[in-house]
Amino acid sequence: MSRVLVGVLSALLLSACVITLHQVAVTAQAPTEPSTIGQGITLYLEVIDDRDSLIVGQRGSGGLSGLKGADITAPQIISTLGRELKAGFEAKGFRVVSTNAGADAEVEARLSVRPKRS
């Protein structure tokens, strides 16, 4: 009886690890060497998340059990990317604005996932 109980408890503990969600912290660092190349230019920056989901991978494959591994997500990736791009443009002298009305130029940064080529 005790072996069955230990086996059931072990299975429950191991399965909890498989379904636990995991998040990764994504960092980005745009080149921020000061410059005056953008002096006097107003820039509208739009960062678009074109991915189908926030999942960036999976932890474990389930192995022989056939269970799906835990999803790994990076929900903050767009805000991180946008913040670093803005800092990079501002370091170059651009004035980054949040609407395109009256902007001298527009930049679109799009994050998308392409199917893996064989």
Protein backbone atom coordinates (compact mmCIF):
# COMPACT_ATOMS: atom_id res chain seq x y z
CA MET A 1 0.00 0.00 0.00
CA SER A 2 2.79 2.41 0.90
CA ARG A 3 4.50 1.78 -2.47
CA VAL A 4 1.29 2.66 -4.30
CA LEU A 5 0.91 5.83 -2.24
CA VAL A 6 4.53 6.84 -2.89
CA GLY A 7 4.06 6.13 -6.60
CA VAL A 8 0.89 8.22 -6.81
CA LEU A 9 2.44 11.12 -4.88
CA SER A 10 5.56 11.02 -7.05
CA ALA A 11 3.47 11.07 -10.22
CA LEU A 12 1.48 14.05 -8.94
CA LEU A 13 4.60 15.98 -8.00
CA LEU A 14 6.28 15.29 -11.35
CA SER A 15 3.19 16.19 -13.35
CA ALA A 16 2.94 19.51 -11.51
CA CYS A 17 6.39 20.41 -12.84
CA VAL A 18 5.28 19.71 -16.39
CA ILE A 19 2.27 22.02 -16.34
CA THR A 20 3.84 24.90 -14.41
CA LEU A 21 4.06 28.03 -16.55
CA HIS A 22 7.47 29.60 -16.94
CA GLN A 23 8.28 33.17 -17.89
CA VAL A 24 11.60 34.45 -19.13
CA ALA A 25 12.91 37.95 -18.74
CA VAL A 26 14.01 39.33 -22.08
CA THR A 27 16.59 42.06 -22.19
CA ALA A 28 17.59 44.27 -25.08
CA GLN A 29 20.16 46.98 -25.41
CA ALA A 30 20.10 49.40 -28.31
CA PRO A 31 23.31 51.25 -29.19
CA THR A 32 23.13 54.54 -27.31
CA GLU A 33 26.29 56.36 -28.35
CA PRO A 34 25.34 60.04 -28.31
CA SER A 35 24.97 61.68 -31.72
CA THR A 36 23.24 64.65 -33.28
CA ILE A 37 22.17 62.85 -36.47
CA GLY A 38 18.49 63.14 -35.51
CA GLN A 39 18.66 66.67 -34.13
CA GLY A 40 15.40 68.51 -34.84
CA ILE A 41 13.62 65.44 -36.27
CA THR A 42 10.41 64.22 -34.65
CA LEU A 43 10.05 60.45 -34.92
CA TYR A 44 6.95 58.31 -34.42
CA LEU A 45 7.96 54.84 -33.19
CA GLU A 46 5.48 51.98 -33.30
CA VAL A 47 6.42 48.58 -31.90
CA ILE A 48 4.06 45.79 -33.01
CA ASP A 49 3.78 42.27 -31.62
CA ASP A 50 2.75 40.19 -34.63
CA ARG A 51 3.22 36.81 -32.94
CA ASP A 52 0.33 34.35 -32.68
CA SER A 53 1.00 33.82 -28.97
CA LEU A 54 3.30 34.89 -26.15
CA ILE A 55 4.91 31.43 -26.07
CA VAL A 56 8.60 31.49 -26.99
CA GLY A 57 9.34 27.84 -26.31
CA GLN A 58 8.74 24.88 -24.06
CA ARG A 59 10.62 23.44 -21.15
CA GLY A 60 11.03 19.72 -21.51
CA SER A 61 9.32 17.64 -24.11
CA GLY A 62 7.49 15.23 -21.88
CA GLY A 63 10.00 12.53 -22.77
CA LEU A 64 8.67 9.00 -22.79
CA SER A 65 5.51 10.00 -20.94
CA GLY A 66 4.20 11.81 -24.03
CA LEU A 67 3.11 14.78 -21.92
CA LYS A 68 3.57 18.25 -23.33
CA GLY A 69 6.32 20.30 -21.67
CA ALA A 70 5.63 23.57 -19.84
CA ASP A 71 5.14 26.65 -22.00
CA ILE A 72 7.72 29.40 -21.67
CA THR A 73 6.38 32.90 -22.26
CA ALA A 74 7.92 36.35 -22.60
CA PRO A 75 5.00 38.77 -22.18
CA GLN A 76 7.18 41.84 -21.61
CA ILE A 77 9.24 41.50 -24.79
CA ILE A 78 7.42 44.27 -26.72
CA SER A 79 7.64 46.84 -23.92
CA THR A 80 11.34 46.02 -23.44
CA LEU A 81 12.05 46.30 -27.16
CA GLY A 82 10.11 49.57 -27.45
CA ARG A 83 11.85 51.12 -24.45
CA GLU A 84 15.31 50.28 -25.79
CA LEU A 85 14.57 51.44 -29.33
CA LYS A 86 13.23 54.73 -27.99
CA ALA A 87 16.35 55.23 -25.85
CA GLY A 88 18.56 54.47 -28.85
CA PHE A 89 16.79 57.00 -31.10
CA GLU A 90 16.78 59.65 -28.37
CA ALA A 91 20.52 59.17 -27.87
CA LYS A 92 20.90 60.00 -31.57
CA GLY A 93 19.04 63.28 -31.06
CA PHE A 94 15.58 62.26 -32.34
CA ARG A 95 12.50 63.42 -30.46
CA VAL A 96 10.34 60.29 -30.17
CA VAL A 97 6.58 60.92 -29.99
CA SER A 98 3.64 58.61 -29.25
CA THR A 99 1.42 59.61 -32.20
CA ASN A 100 2.23 59.99 -35.88
CA ALA A 101 0.39 63.33 -36.16
CA GLY A 102 3.02 65.92 -37.01
CA ALA A 103 5.95 63.49 -36.94
CA ASP A 104 8.70 64.04 -39.51
CA ALA A 105 9.35 60.30 -39.85
CA GLU A 106 7.86 56.98 -38.80
CA VAL A 107 9.59 53.78 -37.72
CA GLU A 108 7.78 50.47 -37.36
CA ALA A 109 9.44 47.64 -35.46
CA ARG A 110 7.52 44.38 -35.89
CA LEU A 111 8.16 41.18 -33.97
CA SER A 112 6.91 38.12 -35.82
CA VAL A 113 7.58 34.41 -35.98
CA ARG A 114 8.51 32.71 -39.21
CA PRO A 115 8.22 28.98 -39.74
CA LYS A 116 11.51 27.15 -39.48
CA ARG A 117 12.94 26.32 -42.89
CA SER A 118 14.14 22.78 -43.44
